[in-house]
C-alpha atoms as a PDB file:
ATOM      1  CA  MET A   1       4.843 -26.910 -16.627  1.00  0.00           C
ATOM      2  CA  LYS A   2       4.706 -23.247 -17.498  1.00  0.00           C
ATOM      3  CA  LYS A   3       1.842 -21.018 -16.941  1.00  0.00           C
ATOM      4  CA  LEU A   4       1.630 -17.398 -17.414  1.00  0.00           C
ATOM      5  CA  LEU A   5      -1.284 -14.851 -16.861  1.00  0.00           C
ATOM      6  CA  ALA A   6      -1.110 -11.215 -17.563  1.00  0.00           C
ATOM      7  CA  ILE A   7      -4.251  -8.939 -16.799  1.00  0.00           C
ATOM      8  CA  ALA A   8      -4.075  -5.444 -18.333  1.00  0.00           C
ATOM      9  CA  LEU A   9      -6.240  -2.760 -16.910  1.00  0.00           C
ATOM     10  CA  THR A  10      -7.000   0.768 -18.172  1.00  0.00           C
ATOM     11  CA  THR A  11      -4.690   3.090 -16.538  1.00  0.00           C
ATOM     12  CA  VAL A  12      -6.511   6.056 -14.734  1.00  0.00           C
ATOM     13  CA  PHE A  13      -3.715   6.765 -12.056  1.00  0.00           C
ATOM     14  CA  VAL A  14      -1.557   9.449 -13.646  1.00  0.00           C
ATOM     15  CA  LEU A  15       1.396  11.469 -12.598  1.00  0.00           C
ATOM     16  CA  ALA A  16       1.369  15.331 -13.608  1.00  0.00           C
ATOM     17  CA  LEU A  17       4.782  16.945 -13.957  1.00  0.00           C
ATOM     18  CA  ALA A  18       4.581  20.590 -14.373  1.00  0.00           C
ATOM     19  CA  THR A  19       7.611  22.704 -15.945  1.00  0.00           C
ATOM     20  CA  SER A  20       7.836  26.546 -15.835  1.00  0.00           C
ATOM     21  CA  VAL A  21       9.361  28.000 -18.878  1.00  0.00           C
ATOM     22  CA  CYS A  22      10.655  31.570 -18.976  1.00  0.00           C
ATOM     23  CA  ALA A  23      13.458  33.561 -20.957  1.00  0.00           C
ATOM     24  CA  ALA A  24      16.768  33.942 -19.329  1.00  0.00           C
ATOM     25  CA  PRO A  25      17.488  37.731 -18.550  1.00  0.00           C
ATOM     26  CA  ASN A  26      19.387  39.524 -21.359  1.00  0.00           C
ATOM     27  CA  THR A  27      19.441  36.841 -23.791  1.00  0.00           C
ATOM     28  CA  ASN A  28      18.025  35.964 -27.198  1.00  0.00           C
ATOM     29  CA  ARG A  29      16.556  32.598 -27.828  1.00  0.00           C
ATOM     30  CA  ARG A  30      17.883  30.956 -24.558  1.00  0.00           C
ATOM     31  CA  TRP A  31      15.321  29.792 -22.419  1.00  0.00           C
ATOM     32  CA  LYS A  32      15.201  28.196 -18.918  1.00  0.00           C
ATOM     33  CA  SER A  33      12.797  25.681 -17.589  1.00  0.00           C
ATOM     34  CA  TYR A  34      12.301  24.508 -13.886  1.00  0.00           C
ATOM     35  CA  GLU A  35      10.303  21.372 -12.463  1.00  0.00           C
ATOM     36  CA  VAL A  36       7.916  23.277 -10.269  1.00  0.00           C
ATOM     37  CA  ASP A  37       5.281  20.716  -9.286  1.00  0.00           C
ATOM     38  CA  SER A  38       4.408  17.075  -9.745  1.00  0.00           C
ATOM     39  CA  GLY A  39       1.845  14.743  -8.238  1.00  0.00           C
ATOM     40  CA  VAL A  40      -1.140  12.600  -8.853  1.00  0.00           C
ATOM     41  CA  ILE A  41      -4.212  14.246 -10.548  1.00  0.00           C
ATOM     42  CA  ASP A  42      -7.766  13.411  -9.913  1.00  0.00           C
ATOM     43  CA  PRO A  43      -9.568  11.106 -12.132  1.00  0.00           C
ATOM     44  CA  ALA A  44     -12.105  13.695 -13.747  1.00  0.00           C
ATOM     45  CA  ALA A  45      -9.107  15.878 -14.981  1.00  0.00           C
ATOM     46  CA  TYR A  46      -7.347  12.606 -16.524  1.00  0.00           C
ATOM     47  CA  TYR A  47     -10.413  11.430 -18.336  1.00  0.00           C
ATOM     48  CA  HIS A  48     -10.866  15.049 -19.537  1.00  0.00           C
ATOM     49  CA  TYR A  49      -7.418  15.222 -21.022  1.00  0.00           C
ATOM     50  CA  GLU A  50      -7.277  11.617 -22.222  1.00  0.00           C
ATOM     51  CA  LEU A  51     -10.514  11.922 -24.284  1.00  0.00           C
ATOM     52  CA  GLN A  52      -8.944  14.877 -25.992  1.00  0.00           C
ATOM     53  CA  GLY A  53      -5.734  12.889 -26.986  1.00  0.00           C
ATOM     54  CA  LEU A  54      -3.640  14.997 -24.612  1.00  0.00           C
ATOM     55  CA  ASP A  55      -0.447  13.963 -22.921  1.00  0.00           C
ATOM     56  CA  LYS A  56       0.565  17.364 -21.987  1.00  0.00           C
ATOM     57  CA  VAL A  57      -1.156  20.874 -21.529  1.00  0.00           C
ATOM     58  CA  TRP A  58      -0.145  24.235 -21.453  1.00  0.00           C
ATOM     59  CA  HIS A  59      -1.332  26.810 -18.845  1.00  0.00           C
ATOM     60  CA  THR A  60      -0.219  30.273 -17.242  1.00  0.00           C
ATOM     61  CA  GLY A  61      -1.077  29.323 -13.643  1.00  0.00           C
ATOM     62  CA  GLY A  62       0.965  27.178 -11.390  1.00  0.00           C
ATOM     63  CA  ASN A  63      -1.753  25.025 -10.744  1.00  0.00           C
ATOM     64  CA  PHE A  64      -2.962  23.391 -13.987  1.00  0.00           C
ATOM     65  CA  SER A  65      -6.257  21.978 -12.420  1.00  0.00           C
ATOM     66  CA  LYS A  66      -7.419  25.347 -11.843  1.00  0.00           C
ATOM     67  CA  GLY A  67      -8.059  28.083 -14.568  1.00  0.00           C
ATOM     68  CA  ALA A  68      -7.665  27.470 -18.227  1.00  0.00           C
ATOM     69  CA  ILE A  69      -5.631  24.796 -20.043  1.00  0.00           C
ATOM     70  CA  TYR A  70      -4.496  24.762 -23.791  1.00  0.00           C
ATOM     71  CA  LYS A  71      -3.462  22.298 -26.235  1.00  0.00           C
ATOM     72  CA  SER A  72      -0.538  24.257 -27.354  1.00  0.00           C
ATOM     73  CA  LEU A  73       1.587  27.246 -26.683  1.00  0.00           C
ATOM     74  CA  GLU A  74      -0.085  28.984 -29.747  1.00  0.00           C
ATOM     75  CA  ASP A  75      -3.573  28.373 -28.308  1.00  0.00           C
ATOM     76  CA  LEU A  76      -2.203  29.789 -24.841  1.00  0.00           C
ATOM     77  CA  LEU A  77      -0.910  33.057 -26.503  1.00  0.00           C
ATOM     78  CA  ILE A  78      -4.013  33.682 -28.626  1.00  0.00           C
ATOM     79  CA  ALA A  79      -6.285  33.348 -25.572  1.00  0.00           C
ATOM     80  CA  GLU A  80      -4.187  34.953 -23.067  1.00  0.00           C
ATOM     81  CA  VAL A  81      -2.078  37.845 -24.772  1.00  0.00           C
ATOM     82  CA  ALA A  82      -3.759  40.899 -26.170  1.00  0.00           C
ATOM     83  CA  GLY A  83      -3.067  41.524 -29.971  1.00  0.00           C
ATOM     84  CA  ILE A  84      -1.936  38.096 -30.625  1.00  0.00           C
ATOM     85  CA  THR A  85      -4.207  36.304 -33.175  1.00  0.00           C
ATOM     86  CA  ARG A  86      -4.198  33.093 -35.184  1.00  0.00           C
ATOM     87  CA  GLN A  87      -3.249  35.056 -38.129  1.00  0.00           C
ATOM     88  CA  THR A  88      -0.244  36.584 -36.248  1.00  0.00           C
ATOM     89  CA  LEU A  89       1.240  33.049 -35.405  1.00  0.00           C
ATOM     90  CA  SER A  90       0.340  31.556 -38.889  1.00  0.00           C
ATOM     91  CA  GLY A  91       3.326  29.888 -40.546  1.00  0.00           C
ATOM     92  CA  LEU A  92       5.607  30.197 -37.507  1.00  0.00           C
ATOM     93  CA  SER A  93       7.694  27.426 -36.071  1.00  0.00           C
ATOM     94  CA  ALA A  94       7.551  26.273 -32.597  1.00  0.00           C
ATOM     95  CA  SER A  95      10.891  28.227 -31.927  1.00  0.00           C
ATOM     96  CA  GLU A  96       9.553  31.394 -33.287  1.00  0.00           C
ATOM     97  CA  ILE A  97       6.275  30.973 -31.186  1.00  0.00           C
ATOM     98  CA  ARG A  98       8.553  30.600 -28.040  1.00  0.00           C
ATOM     99  CA  ASP A  99      10.324  33.779 -28.911  1.00  0.00           C
ATOM    100  CA  ILE A 100       7.227  35.762 -29.190  1.00  0.00           C
ATOM    101  CA  ALA A 101       6.181  34.400 -25.788  1.00  0.00           C
ATOM    102  CA  HIS A 102       9.474  35.420 -24.276  1.00  0.00           C
ATOM    103  CA  LYS A 103       9.348  38.935 -25.896  1.00  0.00           C
ATOM    104  CA  ARG A 104       5.877  39.491 -24.379  1.00  0.00           C
ATOM    105  CA  ASP A 105       7.344  38.344 -20.989  1.00  0.00           C
ATOM    106  CA  VAL A 106       4.883  35.335 -20.745  1.00  0.00           C
ATOM    107  CA  THR A 107       5.910  32.656 -18.309  1.00  0.00           C
ATOM    108  CA  TYR A 108       4.079  29.593 -19.056  1.00  0.00           C
ATOM    109  CA  TYR A 109       3.776  25.958 -17.672  1.00  0.00           C
ATOM    110  CA  ILE A 110       3.745  22.726 -19.322  1.00  0.00           C
ATOM    111  CA  THR A 111       2.182  19.885 -17.549  1.00  0.00           C
ATOM    112  CA  GLU A 112       3.019  16.266 -18.887  1.00  0.00           C
ATOM    113  CA  ILE A 113       0.685  13.601 -18.082  1.00  0.00           C
ATOM    114  CA  ASP A 114       2.025  10.056 -17.613  1.00  0.00           C
ATOM    115  CA  GLY A 115       0.761   6.742 -16.392  1.00  0.00           C
ATOM    116  CA  LEU A 116       1.869   5.994 -12.763  1.00  0.00           C
ATOM    117  CA  THR A 117       1.775   2.079 -13.116  1.00  0.00           C
ATOM    118  CA  ASP A 118       1.609  -0.285 -16.015  1.00  0.00           C
ATOM    119  CA  GLN A 119      -1.641  -1.990 -14.690  1.00  0.00           C
ATOM    120  CA  ILE A 120      -0.451  -5.359 -14.911  1.00  0.00           C
ATOM    121  CA  TRP A 121      -0.845  -8.610 -12.705  1.00  0.00           C
ATOM    122  CA  ALA A 122       1.476 -11.365 -14.202  1.00  0.00           C
ATOM    123  CA  VAL A 123       2.595 -14.611 -12.617  1.00  0.00           C
ATOM    124  CA  GLN A 124       4.721 -17.586 -13.837  1.00  0.00           C
ATOM    125  CA  VAL A 125       5.426 -20.874 -12.385  1.00  0.00           C
ATOM    126  CA  GLU A 126       8.335 -22.908 -14.068  1.00  0.00           C
ATOM    127  CA  THR A 127       9.113 -26.340 -12.543  1.00  0.00           C
ATOM    128  CA  GLU A 128      12.381 -28.220 -12.714  1.00  0.00           C
ATOM    129  CA  PRO A 129      12.275 -31.726 -14.665  1.00  0.00           C
ATOM    130  CA  GLY A 130      10.791 -34.244 -12.360  1.00  0.00           C
ATOM    131  CA  GLU A 131       9.167 -31.668  -9.745  1.00  0.00           C
ATOM    132  CA  SER A 132       5.539 -30.442  -9.526  1.00  0.00           C
ATOM    133  CA  GLY A 133       3.942 -27.114  -9.766  1.00  0.00           C
ATOM    134  CA  ARG A 134       0.673 -25.325  -9.469  1.00  0.00           C
ATOM    135  CA  LEU A 135      -0.951 -22.043 -10.548  1.00  0.00           C
ATOM    136  CA  VAL A 136      -4.510 -21.876  -9.347  1.00  0.00           C
ATOM    137  CA  GLN A 137      -6.390 -18.555 -10.167  1.00  0.00           C
ATOM    138  CA  ASP A 138      -9.841 -17.378  -9.298  1.00  0.00           C
ATOM    139  CA  PHE A 139     -10.351 -13.707 -10.597  1.00  0.00           C
ATOM    140  CA  GLU A 140     -13.271 -11.357 -11.383  1.00  0.00           C
ATOM    141  CA  THR A 141     -12.851  -7.962 -13.041  1.00  0.00           C
ATOM    142  CA  ALA A 142     -15.002  -5.374 -14.646  1.00  0.00           C
ATOM    143  CA  TYR A 143     -14.488  -1.992 -16.319  1.00  0.00           C
ATOM    144  CA  GLY A 144     -17.792  -0.784 -17.385  1.00  0.00           C
ATOM    145  CA  PRO A 145     -17.627   2.059 -20.326  1.00  0.00           C
ATOM    146  CA  TYR A 146     -17.299   5.658 -19.482  1.00  0.00           C
ATOM    147  CA  GLY A 147     -20.172   7.900 -20.658  1.00  0.00           C
ATOM    148  CA  GLY A 148     -18.662  11.443 -20.220  1.00  0.00           C
ATOM    149  CA  LEU A 149     -19.534  14.555 -18.199  1.00  0.00           C
ATOM    150  CA  ILE A 150     -22.881  15.543 -16.937  1.00  0.00           C
ATOM    151  CA  LYS A 151     -22.526  19.238 -16.322  1.00  0.00           C
ATOM    152  CA  ASP A 152     -25.571  19.983 -14.263  1.00  0.00           C
ATOM    153  CA  ALA A 153     -25.148  18.977 -10.686  1.00  0.00           C
ATOM    154  CA  ASP A 154     -28.874  18.028 -10.679  1.00  0.00           C
ATOM    155  CA  GLY A 155     -28.802  16.213 -14.072  1.00  0.00           C
ATOM    156  CA  SER A 156     -29.417  12.527 -14.528  1.00  0.00           C
ATOM    157  CA  VAL A 157     -27.978   9.794 -16.546  1.00  0.00           C
ATOM    158  CA  PRO A 158     -29.063  10.248 -20.150  1.00  0.00           C
ATOM    159  CA  SER A 159     -31.008   8.003 -22.073  1.00  0.00           C
ATOM    160  CA  GLY A 160     -28.717   5.139 -23.715  1.00  0.00           C
ATOM    161  CA  GLY A 161     -26.252   5.502 -20.633  1.00  0.00           C
ATOM    162  CA  GLU A 162     -27.777   2.933 -18.383  1.00  0.00           C
ATOM    163  CA  ASP A 163     -24.586   0.751 -18.615  1.00  0.00           C
ATOM    164  CA  LYS A 164     -22.023   3.627 -18.264  1.00  0.00           C
ATOM    165  CA  TRP A 165     -20.381   5.698 -15.679  1.00  0.00           C
ATOM    166  CA  PHE A 166     -20.363   9.437 -15.681  1.00  0.00           C
ATOM    167  CA  PHE A 167     -18.669  12.512 -13.896  1.00  0.00           C
ATOM    168  CA  LYS A 168     -20.906  15.117 -12.667  1.00  0.00           C
ATOM    169  CA  PRO A 169     -20.390  18.125 -10.134  1.00  0.00           C
ATOM    170  CA  GLY A 170     -21.626  17.643  -6.697  1.00  0.00           C
ATOM    171  CA  GLN A 171     -23.385  20.257  -4.584  1.00  0.00           C
ATOM    172  CA  ASP A 172     -19.686  21.392  -3.426  1.00  0.00           C
ATOM    173  CA  GLY A 173     -18.609  21.817  -7.065  1.00  0.00           C
ATOM    174  CA  GLN A 174     -16.240  18.890  -6.839  1.00  0.00           C
ATOM    175  CA  TRP A 175     -16.728  16.126  -9.503  1.00  0.00           C
ATOM    176  CA  GLN A 176     -18.270  12.931  -8.464  1.00  0.00           C
ATOM    177  CA  THR A 177     -18.987   9.668 -10.077  1.00  0.00           C
ATOM    178  CA  THR A 178     -22.543   8.604 -11.077  1.00  0.00           C
ATOM    179  CA  VAL A 179     -23.614   5.454 -12.967  1.00  0.00           C
ATOM    180  CA  GLY A 180     -26.435   4.080 -14.840  1.00  0.00           C
ATOM    181  CA  GLU A 181     -28.697   1.382 -13.443  1.00  0.00           C
ATOM    182  CA  ASP A 182     -27.081  -1.490 -15.539  1.00  0.00           C
ATOM    183  CA  TYR A 183     -23.622  -0.488 -14.927  1.00  0.00           C
ATOM    184  CA  VAL A 184     -21.421  -3.549 -14.166  1.00  0.00           C
ATOM    185  CA  GLY A 185     -18.799  -1.758 -11.907  1.00  0.00           C
ATOM    186  CA  ASN A 186     -15.011  -0.999 -11.896  1.00  0.00           C
ATOM    187  CA  TYR A 187     -13.336  -3.743 -10.000  1.00  0.00           C
ATOM    188  CA  PHE A 188     -10.546  -6.303  -9.723  1.00  0.00           C
ATOM    189  CA  HIS A 189     -10.728  -9.153  -7.390  1.00  0.00           C
ATOM    190  CA  MET A 190      -7.990 -12.032  -7.361  1.00  0.00           C
ATOM    191  CA  ASP A 191      -7.460 -15.052  -5.152  1.00  0.00           C
ATOM    192  CA  GLN A 192      -4.292 -16.934  -6.281  1.00  0.00           C
ATOM    193  CA  LEU A 193      -1.882 -19.958  -5.170  1.00  0.00           C
ATOM    194  CA  ALA A 194       1.477 -20.519  -6.874  1.00  0.00           C
ATOM    195  CA  TYR A 195       3.515 -23.493  -5.861  1.00  0.00           C
ATOM    196  CA  THR A 196       6.441 -25.394  -7.029  1.00  0.00           C
ATOM    197  CA  SER A 197       8.412 -28.253  -5.265  1.00  0.00           C
ATOM    198  CA  ASP A 198      11.495 -26.867  -6.944  1.00  0.00           C
ATOM    199  CA  GLY A 199      11.565 -24.434  -9.608  1.00  0.00           C
ATOM    200  CA  THR A 200      11.023 -20.614 -10.187  1.00  0.00           C
ATOM    201  CA  ILE A 201       7.952 -18.436  -9.411  1.00  0.00           C
ATOM    202  CA  ARG A 202       8.080 -15.134 -11.052  1.00  0.00           C
ATOM    203  CA  ARG A 203       5.674 -12.294 -10.258  1.00  0.00           C
ATOM    204  CA  TYR A 204       5.118  -8.786 -11.465  1.00  0.00           C
ATOM    205  CA  MET A 205       2.311  -6.518 -10.237  1.00  0.00           C
ATOM    206  CA  SER A 206       1.905  -2.823 -11.124  1.00  0.00           C
ATOM    207  CA  ILE A 207      -1.579  -1.742 -10.011  1.00  0.00           C
ATOM    208  CA  SER A 208      -2.965   1.464  -8.896  1.00  0.00           C
ATOM    209  CA  SER A 209      -6.241   3.315  -8.190  1.00  0.00           C
ATOM    210  CA  PRO A 210      -6.907   6.955  -7.916  1.00  0.00           C
ATOM    211  CA  TRP A 211     -10.141   6.354  -6.329  1.00  0.00           C
ATOM    212  CA  SER A 212      -8.987   4.605  -3.290  1.00  0.00           C
ATOM    213  CA  HIS A 213      -5.187   5.973  -3.681  1.00  0.00           C
ATOM    214  CA  ALA A 214      -4.186   2.146  -3.472  1.00  0.00           C
ATOM    215  CA  PHE A 215      -0.791   1.555  -5.030  1.00  0.00           C
ATOM    216  CA  LEU A 216       0.794  -1.951  -5.526  1.00  0.00           C
ATOM    217  CA  LYS A 217       4.089  -2.657  -7.197  1.00  0.00           C
ATOM    218  CA  GLU A 218       6.056  -5.934  -6.982  1.00  0.00           C
ATOM    219  CA  ASP A 219       8.673  -7.439  -9.286  1.00  0.00           C
ATOM    220  CA  MET A 220      10.156 -10.600  -7.699  1.00  0.00           C
ATOM    221  CA  SER A 221      11.470 -14.106  -8.513  1.00  0.00           C
ATOM    222  CA  ILE A 222      11.903 -17.056  -6.151  1.00  0.00           C
ATOM    223  CA  GLU A 223      13.814 -20.273  -6.775  1.00  0.00           C
ATOM    224  CA  GLY A 224      13.476 -23.510  -5.063  1.00  0.00           C
ATOM    225  CA  ARG A 225      10.430 -24.754  -3.133  1.00  0.00           C
ATOM    226  CA  ALA A 226       7.957 -22.000  -2.830  1.00  0.00           C
ATOM    227  CA  GLU A 227       4.119 -21.433  -2.182  1.00  0.00           C
ATOM    228  CA  ILE A 228       2.568 -18.167  -2.350  1.00  0.00           C
ATOM    229  CA  ALA A 229      -1.080 -17.399  -1.604  1.00  0.00           C
ATOM    230  CA  ASP A 230      -2.465 -13.927  -2.851  1.00  0.00           C
ATOM    231  CA  SER A 231      -5.818 -12.455  -2.166  1.00  0.00           C
ATOM    232  CA  PHE A 232      -6.208  -8.901  -3.656  1.00  0.00           C
ATOM    233  CA  THR A 233      -9.329  -6.662  -4.013  1.00  0.00           C
ATOM    234  CA  MET A 234      -9.574  -3.323  -5.613  1.00  0.00           C
ATOM    235  CA  ASP A 235     -13.008  -1.699  -5.907  1.00  0.00           C
ATOM    236  CA  ASN A 236     -13.184   1.598  -7.784  1.00  0.00           C
ATOM    237  CA  ILE A 237     -16.769   2.318  -8.778  1.00  0.00           C
ATOM    238  CA  ALA A 238     -19.763   0.643  -7.309  1.00  0.00           C
ATOM    239  CA  PRO A 239     -22.226  -0.989  -9.837  1.00  0.00           C
ATOM    240  CA  GLY A 240     -25.719   0.368 -10.766  1.00  0.00           C
ATOM    241  CA  ALA A 241     -28.831  -0.448  -8.987  1.00  0.00           C
ATOM    242  CA  GLU A 242     -30.124  -2.982 -11.377  1.00  0.00           C
ATOM    243  CA  PHE A 243     -26.736  -4.710 -11.634  1.00  0.00           C
ATOM    244  CA  PHE A 244     -26.750  -8.638 -11.042  1.00  0.00           C
ATOM    245  CA  SER A 245     -23.679 -10.625  -9.799  1.00  0.00           C
ATOM    246  CA  ASP A 246     -23.367 -12.917 -12.639  1.00  0.00           C
ATOM    247  CA  TRP A 247     -23.517 -10.225 -15.341  1.00  0.00           C
ATOM    248  CA  TRP A 248     -20.943 -12.218 -17.689  1.00  0.00           C
ATOM    249  CA  SER A 249     -23.554 -14.786 -18.329  1.00  0.00           C
ATOM    250  CA  MET A 250     -25.039 -12.342 -20.873  1.00  0.00           C
ATOM    251  CA  PHE A 251     -22.045 -12.783 -23.180  1.00  0.00           C
END
């Protein structure tokens, strides 16, 4: 008997790695880069960059979460350096644009954004001939749609966004989440029993949450007689006020 379950969730927990780039002294077209910072970024920043299709950003400050960020070095130079325009850089290669940055003594940073976990929960029970095995799972998961940014701290969920969640600034200026009245929530609940009288149980878990800072990673294989009971709960965003528990019955 073989059973396999793999649940893929949307990755929102991300690792930001910042690299500083500058010209080596007294050299031409030779550059040095240094890893200067890395860490987990907040969900609001991740969604902002993800929706723009960005996996890296350019910036002049060491902390990319503060100040302006740009999609390319070209955009950074045009915005940050006097006398450089789109026409100035038109037709230049990436190497030539870097040369200009170094000639103008511009130290810039490139922050790469990468997923911290695979967001997978997978279990397999494989029994030897003549032996028994069980894989019993009871899970409930929801990931309601993202609606975007509400820029006004006193703003409300826009019409048509009743089943979505949003970012909006709090009174302290920090981003916080708000949801429509019909939002189903963002959560993953699992109860599981894996058993074999003789065989192999394989488990791969790679789950993280920026909301609670929870992190779970496991890659294991057990041979012989084994029985493993799991109970896992990850609640990221609470449902809306008009949410009802058996929402899946609508489909």
